[in-house]
């Protein structure tokens, strides 16, 4: 192959519209939560602001839990609406090679900052 399509993924920032979503990385089948370190732990990178007060939330142990079970655990732990009118929610992400995120022979995935600059070396998959 002499060319690849570069799929650019923007690094999450607290100012993103989807800031209130916790990312649940799953196993390849999408059936169990693995987390970013494959230990079942799920982390939220920012504080949760309610009535002007910022509270750290998480991490949550979701080992051997389905995405739905993990999200319910998180939402029960953080029941308050934040100062922007959002409740904590979940975004399920299967790794490359998963049922809903297949490997593509012509794709490389790179991560960019808010200015569009690639900040992590693209990975072919």
Protein backbone atom coordinates (compact mmCIF):
# COMPACT_ATOMS: atom_id res chain seq x y z
CA UNK A 1 0.00 0.00 0.00
CA UNK A 2 1.35 3.41 -0.92
CA UNK A 3 -1.15 5.60 0.93
CA UNK A 4 -3.22 5.69 4.09
CA UNK A 5 -6.25 7.65 5.17
CA UNK A 6 -5.45 9.58 8.35
CA UNK A 7 -8.31 9.49 10.85
CA UNK A 8 -7.70 12.34 13.30
CA UNK A 9 -9.18 12.03 16.80
CA UNK A 10 -9.22 15.20 18.89
CA UNK A 11 -7.88 14.91 22.43
CA UNK A 12 -10.72 15.46 24.90
CA UNK A 13 -10.78 18.77 26.73
CA UNK A 14 -12.97 20.08 29.52
CA UNK A 15 -14.35 22.73 27.15
CA UNK A 16 -15.73 20.09 24.71
CA UNK A 17 -19.52 19.83 24.43
CA UNK A 18 -19.29 16.19 25.53
CA UNK A 19 -17.22 16.96 28.66
CA UNK A 20 -19.87 15.32 30.89
CA UNK A 21 -19.45 11.87 29.32
CA UNK A 22 -17.28 9.23 30.94
CA UNK A 23 -15.54 7.03 28.34
CA UNK A 24 -16.09 3.31 28.93
CA UNK A 25 -13.46 1.39 26.97
CA UNK A 26 -14.61 -2.19 26.42
CA UNK A 27 -13.18 -5.53 25.40
CA UNK A 28 -13.11 -6.39 21.68
CA UNK A 29 -16.65 -7.80 21.82
CA UNK A 30 -18.01 -4.67 23.48
CA UNK A 31 -19.54 -6.81 26.22
CA UNK A 32 -17.39 -5.95 29.27
CA UNK A 33 -15.71 -2.77 30.43
CA UNK A 34 -11.90 -2.96 30.50
CA UNK A 35 -10.85 0.66 30.99
CA UNK A 36 -7.78 2.31 29.52
CA UNK A 37 -5.38 0.13 31.53
CA UNK A 38 -7.31 -3.13 31.00
CA UNK A 39 -7.94 -3.40 34.75
CA UNK A 40 -11.63 -2.46 34.77
CA UNK A 41 -11.00 0.95 36.36
CA UNK A 42 -12.78 3.93 34.80
CA UNK A 43 -11.56 7.49 35.27
CA UNK A 44 -13.15 10.90 34.68
CA UNK A 45 -10.44 13.49 33.98
CA UNK A 46 -12.08 16.61 35.43
CA UNK A 47 -13.90 17.75 38.53
CA UNK A 48 -17.72 17.77 38.68
CA UNK A 49 -18.99 21.32 39.38
CA UNK A 50 -22.25 21.64 41.33
CA UNK A 51 -23.35 24.99 42.83
CA UNK A 52 -19.90 26.39 42.11
CA UNK A 53 -18.11 23.67 44.08
CA UNK A 54 -15.81 21.29 42.19
CA UNK A 55 -15.62 17.70 43.42
CA UNK A 56 -13.36 14.92 42.15
CA UNK A 57 -15.40 11.95 40.93
CA UNK A 58 -14.32 8.39 40.31
CA UNK A 59 -12.48 6.26 39.68
CA UNK A 60 -14.97 3.42 39.44
CA UNK A 61 -14.22 -0.30 39.49
CA UNK A 62 -16.12 -1.75 36.55
CA UNK A 63 -14.20 -5.02 36.24
CA UNK A 64 -16.50 -7.76 34.95
CA UNK A 65 -19.34 -5.25 34.38
CA UNK A 66 -21.20 -4.60 31.16
CA UNK A 67 -21.15 -1.03 29.86
CA UNK A 68 -24.74 -0.61 31.07
CA UNK A 69 -23.89 -1.86 34.58
CA UNK A 70 -20.81 0.34 34.77
CA UNK A 71 -22.71 3.42 33.64
CA UNK A 72 -25.42 2.77 36.22
CA UNK A 73 -22.71 2.55 38.92
CA UNK A 74 -21.27 5.88 37.80
CA UNK A 75 -24.63 7.63 37.57
CA UNK A 76 -25.65 6.41 41.04
CA UNK A 77 -22.35 7.74 42.41
CA UNK A 78 -22.76 11.15 40.73
CA UNK A 79 -26.51 11.87 40.82
CA UNK A 80 -26.40 15.68 40.78
CA UNK A 81 -26.82 17.81 37.67
CA UNK A 82 -23.77 20.01 37.11
CA UNK A 83 -23.72 23.79 36.78
CA UNK A 84 -24.14 23.55 33.00
CA UNK A 85 -27.35 21.51 33.31
CA UNK A 86 -25.88 18.11 32.49
CA UNK A 87 -25.97 14.82 34.33
CA UNK A 88 -22.95 12.55 34.08
CA UNK A 89 -23.34 10.15 31.16
CA UNK A 90 -21.34 7.42 29.46
CA UNK A 91 -19.79 6.94 26.04
CA UNK A 92 -18.97 3.35 25.12
CA UNK A 93 -15.79 2.95 23.07
CA UNK A 94 -14.67 -0.35 21.61
CA UNK A 95 -10.98 -0.72 20.82
CA UNK A 96 -9.78 -0.95 17.25
CA UNK A 97 -10.52 -4.48 16.06
CA UNK A 98 -13.81 -4.62 17.95
CA UNK A 99 -17.20 -5.46 16.49
CA UNK A 100 -18.13 -1.80 15.91
CA UNK A 101 -14.60 -0.49 15.31
CA UNK A 102 -12.95 -2.86 12.82
CA UNK A 103 -9.36 -2.63 11.70
CA UNK A 104 -9.09 -1.02 8.27
CA UNK A 105 -6.15 -1.70 5.97
CA UNK A 106 -6.10 1.85 4.67
CA UNK A 107 -6.38 3.76 7.98
CA UNK A 108 -3.96 5.35 10.41
CA UNK A 109 -5.34 6.99 13.55
CA UNK A 110 -3.70 10.12 14.97
CA UNK A 111 -4.56 12.26 17.99
CA UNK A 112 -4.62 16.06 17.66
CA UNK A 113 -4.88 18.97 20.08
CA UNK A 114 -7.60 21.63 19.87
CA UNK A 115 -5.56 23.48 17.21
CA UNK A 116 -5.43 20.41 14.97
CA UNK A 117 -1.74 19.65 15.58
CA UNK A 118 -0.97 15.93 15.74
CA UNK A 119 0.36 15.28 19.25
CA UNK A 120 0.62 11.47 19.18
CA UNK A 121 2.23 9.48 16.41
CA UNK A 122 -0.39 7.97 14.10
CA UNK A 123 -0.92 4.24 14.48
CA UNK A 124 -1.73 2.06 11.48
CA UNK A 125 -4.82 -0.04 12.02
